[in-house]
Amino acid sequence: MSHFFEVIIVGAGPAGLAVAIEAQKAGLSYCVIDKGAIVNSIQRFPRGMTFFSTPELLEIGGVPFTSAAMRPTRMEALEYYRRVADHYALTLRLYEEITTIERAGDLFAVHTTKNVALCRNLVLAAGFYDHPNRLGVKGEDLPHVSHYYDEPFAFYRRNVAIVGGKNSAAIAALELFRHGAHVTLIHRHGELDPGIKYWILPDLQNRIKEGSIHACFNSTVLEIRDNEILMCGEHGKESVIGADHVFVLIGYHPDNHLLVMCGAKIDEELQAPIVNMETYETSVARVYVAGSMVAGKNNNKVFIEDGRHHGRAIVDHILRSK
């Protein structure tokens, strides 16, 4: 049996939830579909992570976000967004993956692993954190290689290699070092990314300078082996370092397959949909994007504090277009 909604929202992250709240306030029938849990991306953040944003910048739906400190933790955020969903009794269909999206006359037919639903308006807010960038080298799929960093405790007195030079790599390197790991940072450029948060960058630079964290700049990974990494450094010189565990933290990329299903035009360079930045409507009428999907490869420029406002613009446009 097919169910009809005025709006189907794909993605139960903060941006998708914000769209749902605005749709509910406007009296539009809606549902949110996600292949995982609510705010699934935040669940994959490091357990001890602290947000760079202050609580009020993460709020949605006018529900206050209280935190024990100036910057909230991952755990506080997980609890907050669940509290928001309960406060509004949002219609959520979790652990339900979309298989196809197709036209059904003037509507969209959204097929999932569990059901099919029809809608007049479709909002894609699926985020990007499920799709880490890869090195594309032999051994990257070995069991001791991870594209996500969780917590440092298991790596006490272990040789840990971190590939990357931005915020995620910097935070992981410092935490692992402070919890007893022997850390080597491998970065393809000649210096750390200047965009690393201002209170983290000098800390890492000082640890590298004093030798507490070993850094290999202008270096690329050629192969990952069971207990070591083959690298190519400056002037093409190859070398081998010991590595009991490897974290490949080189960012994430957008997954545009749902946009392609809808027929939306995509900027090939940015891998971002062509979007009206006032309404967030794509090149396909009544197909919208919210959150980091707006930015494609520049997803590091659209954060929760930005994406949470997309919902109101989208729903306002839907109401004007009825």
C-alpha atoms as a PDB file:
ATOM      1  CA  MET A   1       0.000   0.000   0.000  1.00  0.00           C
ATOM      2  CA  SER A   2       1.244   3.474  -0.889  1.00  0.00           C
ATOM      3  CA  HIS A   3       0.938   6.363   1.544  1.00  0.00           C
ATOM      4  CA  PHE A   4       0.663   9.978   0.367  1.00  0.00           C
ATOM      5  CA  PHE A   5       2.429  12.926   1.991  1.00  0.00           C
ATOM      6  CA  GLU A   6       2.706  16.545   0.955  1.00  0.00           C
ATOM      7  CA  VAL A   7       6.375  16.353   1.894  1.00  0.00           C
ATOM      8  CA  ILE A   8       8.829  13.491   2.236  1.00  0.00           C
ATOM      9  CA  ILE A   9      12.125  14.382   3.894  1.00  0.00           C
ATOM     10  CA  VAL A  10      15.108  12.097   3.349  1.00  0.00           C
ATOM     11  CA  GLY A  11      17.519  12.313   6.271  1.00  0.00           C
ATOM     12  CA  ALA A  12      16.815  12.550  10.007  1.00  0.00           C
ATOM     13  CA  GLY A  13      19.756  14.817  10.824  1.00  0.00           C
ATOM     14  CA  PRO A  14      19.294  18.290  12.319  1.00  0.00           C
ATOM     15  CA  ALA A  15      18.498  19.852   8.918  1.00  0.00           C
ATOM     16  CA  GLY A  16      15.938  17.176   8.042  1.00  0.00           C
ATOM     17  CA  LEU A  17      14.302  17.423  11.460  1.00  0.00           C
ATOM     18  CA  ALA A  18      14.095  21.211  11.079  1.00  0.00           C
ATOM     19  CA  VAL A  19      12.260  20.795   7.759  1.00  0.00           C
ATOM     20  CA  ALA A  20       9.851  18.333   9.397  1.00  0.00           C
ATOM     21  CA  ILE A  21       9.106  20.766  12.215  1.00  0.00           C
ATOM     22  CA  GLU A  22       8.337  23.567   9.755  1.00  0.00           C
ATOM     23  CA  ALA A  23       6.123  21.246   7.684  1.00  0.00           C
ATOM     24  CA  GLN A  24       4.229  20.205  10.803  1.00  0.00           C
ATOM     25  CA  LYS A  25       3.735  23.811  11.891  1.00  0.00           C
ATOM     26  CA  ALA A  26       2.367  24.617   8.427  1.00  0.00           C
ATOM     27  CA  GLY A  27      -0.138  21.766   8.609  1.00  0.00           C
ATOM     28  CA  LEU A  28       1.479  19.765   5.813  1.00  0.00           C
ATOM     29  CA  SER A  29       1.457  15.979   5.936  1.00  0.00           C
ATOM     30  CA  TYR A  30       5.024  14.705   5.985  1.00  0.00           C
ATOM     31  CA  CYS A  31       7.350  11.923   7.007  1.00  0.00           C
ATOM     32  CA  VAL A  32      11.087  11.669   7.555  1.00  0.00           C
ATOM     33  CA  ILE A  33      12.883   8.629   6.143  1.00  0.00           C
ATOM     34  CA  ASP A  34      16.408   7.662   7.200  1.00  0.00           C
ATOM     35  CA  LYS A  35      18.455   4.546   6.538  1.00  0.00           C
ATOM     36  CA  GLY A  36      19.822   4.707  10.089  1.00  0.00           C
ATOM     37  CA  ALA A  37      19.020   6.208  13.465  1.00  0.00           C
ATOM     38  CA  ILE A  38      17.953   9.755  14.197  1.00  0.00           C
ATOM     39  CA  VAL A  39      20.946  12.128  13.753  1.00  0.00           C
ATOM     40  CA  ASN A  40      22.906   9.107  12.589  1.00  0.00           C
ATOM     41  CA  SER A  41      25.961  11.175  11.612  1.00  0.00           C
ATOM     42  CA  ILE A  42      26.354  12.604  15.115  1.00  0.00           C
ATOM     43  CA  GLN A  43      26.314   9.056  16.463  1.00  0.00           C
ATOM     44  CA  ARG A  44      29.436   8.392  14.393  1.00  0.00           C
ATOM     45  CA  PHE A  45      31.326  11.366  15.827  1.00  0.00           C
ATOM     46  CA  PRO A  46      34.074  10.571  18.385  1.00  0.00           C
ATOM     47  CA  ARG A  47      32.500   9.714  21.740  1.00  0.00           C
ATOM     48  CA  GLY A  48      34.257  12.498  23.600  1.00  0.00           C
ATOM     49  CA  MET A  49      33.710  15.116  20.891  1.00  0.00           C
ATOM     50  CA  THR A  50      32.813  18.683  21.802  1.00  0.00           C
ATOM     51  CA  PHE A  51      31.074  20.864  19.225  1.00  0.00           C
ATOM     52  CA  PHE A  52      32.755  24.018  18.010  1.00  0.00           C
ATOM     53  CA  SER A  53      29.346  25.767  18.128  1.00  0.00           C
ATOM     54  CA  THR A  54      27.595  27.029  21.233  1.00  0.00           C
ATOM     55  CA  PRO A  55      24.249  25.391  22.177  1.00  0.00           C
ATOM     56  CA  GLU A  56      21.945  28.113  20.861  1.00  0.00           C
ATOM     57  CA  LEU A  57      23.452  27.721  17.369  1.00  0.00           C
ATOM     58  CA  LEU A  58      22.437  24.054  17.307  1.00  0.00           C
ATOM     59  CA  GLU A  59      18.825  24.598  18.396  1.00  0.00           C
ATOM     60  CA  ILE A  60      15.921  23.709  16.123  1.00  0.00           C
ATOM     61  CA  GLY A  61      12.191  24.219  16.469  1.00  0.00           C
ATOM     62  CA  GLY A  62      12.553  26.756  19.263  1.00  0.00           C
ATOM     63  CA  VAL A  63      13.411  24.027  21.786  1.00  0.00           C
ATOM     64  CA  PRO A  64      16.175  25.259  24.133  1.00  0.00           C
ATOM     65  CA  PHE A  65      19.454  23.339  24.057  1.00  0.00           C
ATOM     66  CA  THR A  66      20.952  23.361  27.538  1.00  0.00           C
ATOM     67  CA  SER A  67      24.545  22.297  28.065  1.00  0.00           C
ATOM     68  CA  ALA A  68      26.799  21.927  31.072  1.00  0.00           C
ATOM     69  CA  ALA A  69      29.528  23.928  29.326  1.00  0.00           C
ATOM     70  CA  MET A  70      29.934  26.660  26.739  1.00  0.00           C
ATOM     71  CA  ARG A  71      30.269  24.086  23.960  1.00  0.00           C
ATOM     72  CA  PRO A  72      27.993  21.026  24.037  1.00  0.00           C
ATOM     73  CA  THR A  73      29.170  17.451  23.766  1.00  0.00           C
ATOM     74  CA  ARG A  74      28.197  14.773  21.286  1.00  0.00           C
ATOM     75  CA  MET A  75      26.184  13.004  23.996  1.00  0.00           C
ATOM     76  CA  GLU A  76      24.266  16.189  24.837  1.00  0.00           C
ATOM     77  CA  ALA A  77      23.459  16.686  21.153  1.00  0.00           C
ATOM     78  CA  LEU A  78      22.223  13.114  20.759  1.00  0.00           C
ATOM     79  CA  GLU A  79      19.907  13.594  23.734  1.00  0.00           C
ATOM     80  CA  TYR A  80      18.779  17.039  22.569  1.00  0.00           C
ATOM     81  CA  TYR A  81      17.671  16.038  19.061  1.00  0.00           C
ATOM     82  CA  ARG A  82      15.802  13.031  20.424  1.00  0.00           C
ATOM     83  CA  ARG A  83      14.071  15.335  22.878  1.00  0.00           C
ATOM     84  CA  VAL A  84      13.085  17.643  20.012  1.00  0.00           C
ATOM     85  CA  ALA A  85      11.668  14.714  18.017  1.00  0.00           C
ATOM     86  CA  ASP A  86       9.597  13.652  21.025  1.00  0.00           C
ATOM     87  CA  HIS A  87       8.497  17.215  21.768  1.00  0.00           C
ATOM     88  CA  TYR A  88       6.967  17.532  18.301  1.00  0.00           C
ATOM     89  CA  ALA A  89       6.057  13.827  17.997  1.00  0.00           C
ATOM     90  CA  LEU A  90       7.728  13.866  14.596  1.00  0.00           C
ATOM     91  CA  THR A  91       6.767  11.221  12.045  1.00  0.00           C
ATOM     92  CA  LEU A  92       9.962   9.236  11.558  1.00  0.00           C
ATOM     93  CA  ARG A  93      10.636   6.113   9.507  1.00  0.00           C
ATOM     94  CA  LEU A  94      14.073   5.003  10.666  1.00  0.00           C
ATOM     95  CA  TYR A  95      16.288   2.150   9.443  1.00  0.00           C
ATOM     96  CA  GLU A  96      14.517   2.317   6.100  1.00  0.00           C
ATOM     97  CA  GLU A  97      16.742   2.818   3.070  1.00  0.00           C
ATOM     98  CA  ILE A  98      15.538   4.370  -0.181  1.00  0.00           C
ATOM     99  CA  THR A  99      16.022   2.129  -3.203  1.00  0.00           C
ATOM    100  CA  THR A 100      14.498   4.201  -6.021  1.00  0.00           C
ATOM    101  CA  ILE A 101      12.750   7.490  -6.624  1.00  0.00           C
ATOM    102  CA  GLU A 102      10.597   7.858  -9.715  1.00  0.00           C
ATOM    103  CA  ARG A 103       7.852   9.994 -11.150  1.00  0.00           C
ATOM    104  CA  ALA A 104       4.264   8.929 -10.614  1.00  0.00           C
ATOM    105  CA  GLY A 105       2.310  11.413 -12.662  1.00  0.00           C
ATOM    106  CA  ASP A 106       2.561  14.747 -10.835  1.00  0.00           C
ATOM    107  CA  LEU A 107       3.952  13.038  -7.746  1.00  0.00           C
ATOM    108  CA  PHE A 108       7.172  11.327  -6.672  1.00  0.00           C
ATOM    109  CA  ALA A 109       7.137   7.647  -5.754  1.00  0.00           C
ATOM    110  CA  VAL A 110       9.725   6.924  -3.072  1.00  0.00           C
ATOM    111  CA  HIS A 111      10.513   3.213  -2.809  1.00  0.00           C
ATOM    112  CA  THR A 112      12.279   1.954   0.293  1.00  0.00           C
ATOM    113  CA  THR A 113      13.427  -1.381   1.641  1.00  0.00           C
ATOM    114  CA  LYS A 114      10.144  -1.582   3.570  1.00  0.00           C
ATOM    115  CA  ASN A 115       7.469   0.333   1.684  1.00  0.00           C
ATOM    116  CA  VAL A 116       6.574   2.870  -0.997  1.00  0.00           C
ATOM    117  CA  ALA A 117       5.271   6.375  -0.419  1.00  0.00           C
ATOM    118  CA  LEU A 118       4.001   9.116  -2.693  1.00  0.00           C
ATOM    119  CA  CYS A 119       4.670  12.794  -2.187  1.00  0.00           C
ATOM    120  CA  ARG A 120       4.140  16.112  -3.907  1.00  0.00           C
ATOM    121  CA  ASN A 121       7.372  17.634  -2.565  1.00  0.00           C
ATOM    122  CA  LEU A 122      10.672  15.907  -1.850  1.00  0.00           C
ATOM    123  CA  VAL A 123      13.405  17.269   0.425  1.00  0.00           C
ATOM    124  CA  LEU A 124      16.818  15.603   0.362  1.00  0.00           C
ATOM    125  CA  ALA A 125      18.773  16.217   3.567  1.00  0.00           C
ATOM    126  CA  ALA A 126      20.899  13.096   3.649  1.00  0.00           C
ATOM    127  CA  GLY A 127      24.216  14.682   4.657  1.00  0.00           C
ATOM    128  CA  PHE A 128      27.633  13.340   3.680  1.00  0.00           C
ATOM    129  CA  TYR A 129      29.261  11.789   6.760  1.00  0.00           C
ATOM    130  CA  ASP A 130      28.507   8.222   5.634  1.00  0.00           C
ATOM    131  CA  HIS A 131      30.916   8.582   2.716  1.00  0.00           C
ATOM    132  CA  PRO A 132      34.539   9.030   3.804  1.00  0.00           C
ATOM    133  CA  ASN A 133      37.194   9.907   1.246  1.00  0.00           C
ATOM    134  CA  ARG A 134      39.544   7.021   0.510  1.00  0.00           C
ATOM    135  CA  LEU A 135      43.226   6.837  -0.307  1.00  0.00           C
ATOM    136  CA  GLY A 136      42.651   4.203  -2.953  1.00  0.00           C
ATOM    137  CA  VAL A 137      45.724   2.185  -1.988  1.00  0.00           C
ATOM    138  CA  LYS A 138      46.361  -1.488  -1.376  1.00  0.00           C
ATOM    139  CA  GLY A 139      45.556  -2.508   2.204  1.00  0.00           C
ATOM    140  CA  GLU A 140      43.051   0.264   2.899  1.00  0.00           C
ATOM    141  CA  ASP A 141      40.387  -2.325   3.724  1.00  0.00           C
ATOM    142  CA  LEU A 142      42.483  -4.220   6.256  1.00  0.00           C
ATOM    143  CA  PRO A 143      40.783  -4.635   9.668  1.00  0.00           C
ATOM    144  CA  HIS A 144      43.184  -2.284  11.464  1.00  0.00           C
ATOM    145  CA  VAL A 145      42.358   0.619   9.126  1.00  0.00           C
ATOM    146  CA  SER A 146      39.492   2.960   9.997  1.00  0.00           C
ATOM    147  CA  HIS A 147      37.973   6.001   8.296  1.00  0.00           C
ATOM    148  CA  TYR A 148      36.348   7.140  11.548  1.00  0.00           C
ATOM    149  CA  TYR A 149      37.950   7.992  14.869  1.00  0.00           C
ATOM    150  CA  ASP A 150      36.062   7.035  18.018  1.00  0.00           C
ATOM    151  CA  GLU A 151      38.103   7.178  21.235  1.00  0.00           C
ATOM    152  CA  PRO A 152      41.772   6.769  22.224  1.00  0.00           C
ATOM    153  CA  PHE A 153      41.806   4.226  25.050  1.00  0.00           C
ATOM    154  CA  ALA A 154      42.387   1.046  23.038  1.00  0.00           C
ATOM    155  CA  PHE A 155      45.606   2.406  21.539  1.00  0.00           C
ATOM    156  CA  TYR A 156      47.731   2.857  24.672  1.00  0.00           C
ATOM    157  CA  ARG A 157      51.392   2.121  23.779  1.00  0.00           C
ATOM    158  CA  ARG A 158      50.390   1.244  20.222  1.00  0.00           C
ATOM    159  CA  ASN A 159      51.898   2.684  17.041  1.00  0.00           C
ATOM    160  CA  VAL A 160      49.119   4.685  15.441  1.00  0.00           C
ATOM    161  CA  ALA A 161      49.336   6.398  12.063  1.00  0.00           C
ATOM    162  CA  ILE A 162      46.908   9.180  11.200  1.00  0.00           C
ATOM    163  CA  VAL A 163      46.551  10.221   7.574  1.00  0.00           C
ATOM    164  CA  GLY A 164      45.288  13.791   7.198  1.00  0.00           C
ATOM    165  CA  GLY A 165      46.030  17.340   8.243  1.00  0.00           C
ATOM    166  CA  LYS A 166      42.725  19.021   9.095  1.00  0.00           C
ATOM    167  CA  ASN A 167      40.533  19.213  12.203  1.00  0.00           C
ATOM    168  CA  SER A 168      39.594  15.544  12.486  1.00  0.00           C
ATOM    169  CA  ALA A 169      43.188  14.377  12.118  1.00  0.00           C
ATOM    170  CA  ALA A 170      44.466  17.062  14.498  1.00  0.00           C
ATOM    171  CA  ILE A 171      41.986  16.211  17.253  1.00  0.00           C
ATOM    172  CA  ALA A 172      42.624  12.473  16.914  1.00  0.00           C
ATOM    173  CA  ALA A 173      46.394  12.961  16.995  1.00  0.00           C
ATOM    174  CA  LEU A 174      46.286  15.017  20.193  1.00  0.00           C
ATOM    175  CA  GLU A 175      43.842  12.712  21.992  1.00  0.00           C
ATOM    176  CA  LEU A 176      45.747   9.580  21.082  1.00  0.00           C
ATOM    177  CA  PHE A 177      49.070  11.099  22.140  1.00  0.00           C
ATOM    178  CA  ARG A 178      47.627  12.226  25.485  1.00  0.00           C
ATOM    179  CA  HIS A 179      46.305   8.739  26.157  1.00  0.00           C
ATOM    180  CA  GLY A 180      49.583   6.959  25.598  1.00  0.00           C
ATOM    181  CA  ALA A 181      49.670   6.123  21.887  1.00  0.00           C
ATOM    182  CA  HIS A 182      52.779   6.574  19.733  1.00  0.00           C
ATOM    183  CA  VAL A 183      51.399   8.847  17.009  1.00  0.00           C
ATOM    184  CA  THR A 184      52.655   9.530  13.498  1.00  0.00           C
ATOM    185  CA  LEU A 185      50.791  12.097  11.413  1.00  0.00           C
ATOM    186  CA  ILE A 186      51.049  11.713   7.633  1.00  0.00           C
ATOM    187  CA  HIS A 187      50.052  14.715   5.525  1.00  0.00           C
ATOM    188  CA  ARG A 188      50.439  15.253   1.809  1.00  0.00           C
ATOM    189  CA  HIS A 189      51.088  18.991   2.178  1.00  0.00           C
ATOM    190  CA  GLY A 190      54.056  20.775   3.675  1.00  0.00           C
ATOM    191  CA  GLU A 191      52.215  22.056   6.737  1.00  0.00           C
ATOM    192  CA  LEU A 192      49.040  21.576   8.736  1.00  0.00           C
ATOM    193  CA  ASP A 193      45.864  23.058   7.355  1.00  0.00           C
ATOM    194  CA  PRO A 194      45.575  26.696   8.551  1.00  0.00           C
ATOM    195  CA  GLY A 195      41.826  26.155   8.939  1.00  0.00           C
ATOM    196  CA  ILE A 196      42.336  23.945  11.998  1.00  0.00           C
ATOM    197  CA  LYS A 197      40.547  25.547  14.957  1.00  0.00           C
ATOM    198  CA  TYR A 198      42.641  28.256  16.571  1.00  0.00           C
ATOM    199  CA  TRP A 199      42.805  26.561  19.981  1.00  0.00           C
ATOM    200  CA  ILE A 200      43.879  23.227  18.451  1.00  0.00           C
ATOM    201  CA  LEU A 201      46.451  24.252  15.832  1.00  0.00           C
ATOM    202  CA  PRO A 202      49.170  25.665  18.147  1.00  0.00           C
ATOM    203  CA  ASP A 203      48.798  22.709  20.512  1.00  0.00           C
ATOM    204  CA  LEU A 204      49.470  20.249  17.694  1.00  0.00           C
ATOM    205  CA  GLN A 205      52.286  22.362  16.251  1.00  0.00           C
ATOM    206  CA  ASN A 206      54.005  22.415  19.649  1.00  0.00           C
ATOM    207  CA  ARG A 207      53.638  18.656  20.120  1.00  0.00           C
ATOM    208  CA  ILE A 208      55.204  18.111  16.695  1.00  0.00           C
ATOM    209  CA  LYS A 209      57.991  20.595  17.416  1.00  0.00           C
ATOM    210  CA  GLU A 210      58.918  18.890  20.691  1.00  0.00           C
ATOM    211  CA  GLY A 211      58.792  15.445  19.070  1.00  0.00           C
ATOM    212  CA  SER A 212      55.865  14.078  21.061  1.00  0.00           C
ATOM    213  CA  ILE A 213      53.977  13.546  17.804  1.00  0.00           C
ATOM    214  CA  HIS A 214      55.969  12.557  14.727  1.00  0.00           C
ATOM    215  CA  ALA A 215      54.864  14.308  11.544  1.00  0.00           C
ATOM    216  CA  CYS A 216      55.615  13.273   7.965  1.00  0.00           C
ATOM    217  CA  PHE A 217      54.808  16.222   5.705  1.00  0.00           C
ATOM    218  CA  ASN A 218      54.809  16.180   1.896  1.00  0.00           C
ATOM    219  CA  SER A 219      54.146  12.458   2.214  1.00  0.00           C
ATOM    220  CA  THR A 220      51.659  10.096   0.634  1.00  0.00           C
ATOM    221  CA  VAL A 221      50.703   6.534   1.523  1.00  0.00           C
ATOM    222  CA  LEU A 222      51.612   3.964  -1.122  1.00  0.00           C
ATOM    223  CA  GLU A 223      50.480   0.818   0.682  1.00  0.00           C
ATOM    224  CA  ILE A 224      49.105  -0.238   4.065  1.00  0.00           C
ATOM    225  CA  ARG A 225      50.388  -3.550   5.386  1.00  0.00           C
ATOM    226  CA  ASP A 226      49.592  -5.619   8.473  1.00  0.00           C
ATOM    227  CA  ASN A 227      51.873  -3.696  10.839  1.00  0.00           C
ATOM    228  CA  GLU A 228      53.415  -0.996   8.690  1.00  0.00           C
ATOM    229  CA  ILE A 229      52.871   1.661   6.043  1.00  0.00           C
ATOM    230  CA  LEU A 230      54.876   2.233   2.880  1.00  0.00           C
ATOM    231  CA  MET A 231      55.123   5.972   2.196  1.00  0.00           C
ATOM    232  CA  CYS A 232      56.544   8.261  -0.447  1.00  0.00           C
ATOM    233  CA  GLY A 233      58.076  11.405   0.999  1.00  0.00           C
ATOM    234  CA  GLU A 234      59.900  14.431  -0.343  1.00  0.00           C
ATOM    235  CA  HIS A 235      61.875  13.964  -3.550  1.00  0.00           C
ATOM    236  CA  GLY A 236      60.110  10.634  -4.110  1.00  0.00           C
ATOM    237  CA  LYS A 237      61.970   8.870  -1.328  1.00  0.00           C
ATOM    238  CA  GLU A 238      60.165   5.786  -0.052  1.00  0.00           C
ATOM    239  CA  SER A 239      60.139   4.776   3.609  1.00  0.00           C
ATOM    240  CA  VAL A 240      58.365   2.377   5.956  1.00  0.00           C
ATOM    241  CA  ILE A 241      56.890   3.176   9.391  1.00  0.00           C
ATOM    242  CA  GLY A 242      55.355   0.854  11.949  1.00  0.00           C
ATOM    243  CA  ALA A 243      51.580   1.095  12.343  1.00  0.00           C
ATOM    244  CA  ASP A 244      49.462  -1.156  14.548  1.00  0.00           C
ATOM    245  CA  HIS A 245      46.426   0.907  13.599  1.00  0.00           C
ATOM    246  CA  VAL A 246      45.738   3.430  10.839  1.00  0.00           C
ATOM    247  CA  PHE A 247      43.163   6.223  10.844  1.00  0.00           C
ATOM    248  CA  VAL A 248      42.481   7.656   7.391  1.00  0.00           C
ATOM    249  CA  LEU A 249      40.880  11.006   8.247  1.00  0.00           C
ATOM    250  CA  ILE A 250      40.904  12.899   4.964  1.00  0.00           C
ATOM    251  CA  GLY A 251      37.340  14.151   4.879  1.00  0.00           C
ATOM    252  CA  TYR A 252      34.070  13.038   3.350  1.00  0.00           C
ATOM    253  CA  HIS A 253      32.280  13.483   0.051  1.00  0.00           C
ATOM    254  CA  PRO A 254      28.671  13.950  -1.080  1.00  0.00           C
ATOM    255  CA  ASP A 255      26.585  11.084  -2.391  1.00  0.00           C
ATOM    256  CA  ASN A 256      24.383  12.430  -5.158  1.00  0.00           C
ATOM    257  CA  HIS A 257      22.703   9.234  -6.293  1.00  0.00           C
ATOM    258  CA  LEU A 258      19.292  10.355  -4.964  1.00  0.00           C
ATOM    259  CA  LEU A 259      19.611  13.652  -6.814  1.00  0.00           C
ATOM    260  CA  VAL A 260      20.496  11.745  -9.973  1.00  0.00           C
ATOM    261  CA  MET A 261      17.396   9.575  -9.532  1.00  0.00           C
ATOM    262  CA  CYS A 262      15.315  12.739  -9.428  1.00  0.00           C
ATOM    263  CA  GLY A 263      16.977  14.167 -12.527  1.00  0.00           C
ATOM    264  CA  ALA A 264      18.441  17.186 -10.730  1.00  0.00           C
ATOM    265  CA  LYS A 265      21.322  19.017 -12.404  1.00  0.00           C
ATOM    266  CA  ILE A 266      24.655  18.835 -10.576  1.00  0.00           C
ATOM    267  CA  ASP A 267      27.674  21.105 -10.740  1.00  0.00           C
ATOM    268  CA  GLU A 268      30.375  18.651 -11.850  1.00  0.00           C
ATOM    269  CA  GLU A 269      33.234  20.554 -10.222  1.00  0.00           C
ATOM    270  CA  LEU A 270      31.599  21.083  -6.825  1.00  0.00           C
ATOM    271  CA  GLN A 271      29.486  17.916  -6.956  1.00  0.00           C
ATOM    272  CA  ALA A 272      26.663  20.114  -5.663  1.00  0.00           C
ATOM    273  CA  PRO A 273      23.123  20.419  -7.028  1.00  0.00           C
ATOM    274  CA  ILE A 274      22.172  23.539  -8.971  1.00  0.00           C
ATOM    275  CA  VAL A 275      20.030  25.231  -6.328  1.00  0.00           C
ATOM    276  CA  ASN A 276      17.999  28.409  -5.893  1.00  0.00           C
ATOM    277  CA  MET A 277      19.713  29.665  -2.745  1.00  0.00           C
ATOM    278  CA  GLU A 278      16.573  31.503  -1.579  1.00  0.00           C
ATOM    279  CA  THR A 279      14.223  28.505  -1.759  1.00  0.00           C
ATOM    280  CA  TYR A 280      16.694  25.568  -1.894  1.00  0.00           C
ATOM    281  CA  GLU A 281      14.748  24.136  -4.822  1.00  0.00           C
ATOM    282  CA  THR A 282      16.849  22.178  -7.315  1.00  0.00           C
ATOM    283  CA  SER A 283      16.530  22.260 -11.107  1.00  0.00           C
ATOM    284  CA  VAL A 284      13.623  19.814 -10.701  1.00  0.00           C
ATOM    285  CA  ALA A 285      10.446  21.500  -9.520  1.00  0.00           C
ATOM    286  CA  ARG A 286       9.412  20.517  -5.976  1.00  0.00           C
ATOM    287  CA  VAL A 287      12.699  18.714  -5.248  1.00  0.00           C
ATOM    288  CA  TYR A 288      14.661  20.533  -2.551  1.00  0.00           C
ATOM    289  CA  VAL A 289      17.915  20.049  -0.663  1.00  0.00           C
ATOM    290  CA  ALA A 290      18.715  20.997   2.929  1.00  0.00           C
ATOM    291  CA  GLY A 291      21.794  20.922   5.114  1.00  0.00           C
ATOM    292  CA  SER A 292      25.199  19.952   3.775  1.00  0.00           C
ATOM    293  CA  MET A 293      23.740  18.546   0.543  1.00  0.00           C
ATOM    294  CA  VAL A 294      23.440  22.153  -0.609  1.00  0.00           C
ATOM    295  CA  ALA A 295      27.218  22.579  -0.723  1.00  0.00           C
ATOM    296  CA  GLY A 296      28.588  19.411  -2.342  1.00  0.00           C
ATOM    297  CA  LYS A 297      32.376  19.219  -1.881  1.00  0.00           C
ATOM    298  CA  ASN A 298      32.213  22.414   0.163  1.00  0.00           C
ATOM    299  CA  ASN A 299      30.209  20.611   2.856  1.00  0.00           C
ATOM    300  CA  ASN A 300      32.609  21.983   5.472  1.00  0.00           C
ATOM    301  CA  LYS A 301      31.066  25.403   4.796  1.00  0.00           C
ATOM    302  CA  VAL A 302      27.511  24.350   5.754  1.00  0.00           C
ATOM    303  CA  PHE A 303      27.139  23.373   9.398  1.00  0.00           C
ATOM    304  CA  ILE A 304      24.169  22.628  11.637  1.00  0.00           C
ATOM    305  CA  GLU A 305      23.874  26.312  12.505  1.00  0.00           C
ATOM    306  CA  ASP A 306      23.332  27.049   8.777  1.00  0.00           C
ATOM    307  CA  GLY A 307      21.300  24.027   7.699  1.00  0.00           C
ATOM    308  CA  ARG A 308      18.768  24.393  10.507  1.00  0.00           C
ATOM    309  CA  HIS A 309      17.388  27.500   8.738  1.00  0.00           C
ATOM    310  CA  HIS A 310      16.814  25.812   5.382  1.00  0.00           C
ATOM    311  CA  GLY A 311      13.551  24.225   6.515  1.00  0.00           C
ATOM    312  CA  ARG A 312      11.640  27.468   6.891  1.00  0.00           C
ATOM    313  CA  ALA A 313      12.680  28.706   3.432  1.00  0.00           C
ATOM    314  CA  ILE A 314      11.717  25.377   1.861  1.00  0.00           C
ATOM    315  CA  VAL A 315       8.314  25.133   3.532  1.00  0.00           C
ATOM    316  CA  ASP A 316       7.536  28.786   2.793  1.00  0.00           C
ATOM    317  CA  HIS A 317       8.187  28.103  -0.884  1.00  0.00           C
ATOM    318  CA  ILE A 318       6.051  24.953  -0.829  1.00  0.00           C
ATOM    319  CA  LEU A 319       3.165  26.942   0.668  1.00  0.00           C
ATOM    320  CA  ARG A 320       3.524  29.722  -1.921  1.00  0.00           C
ATOM    321  CA  SER A 321       3.557  27.143  -4.727  1.00  0.00           C
ATOM    322  CA  LYS A 322       0.359  25.320  -3.694  1.00  0.00           C
END
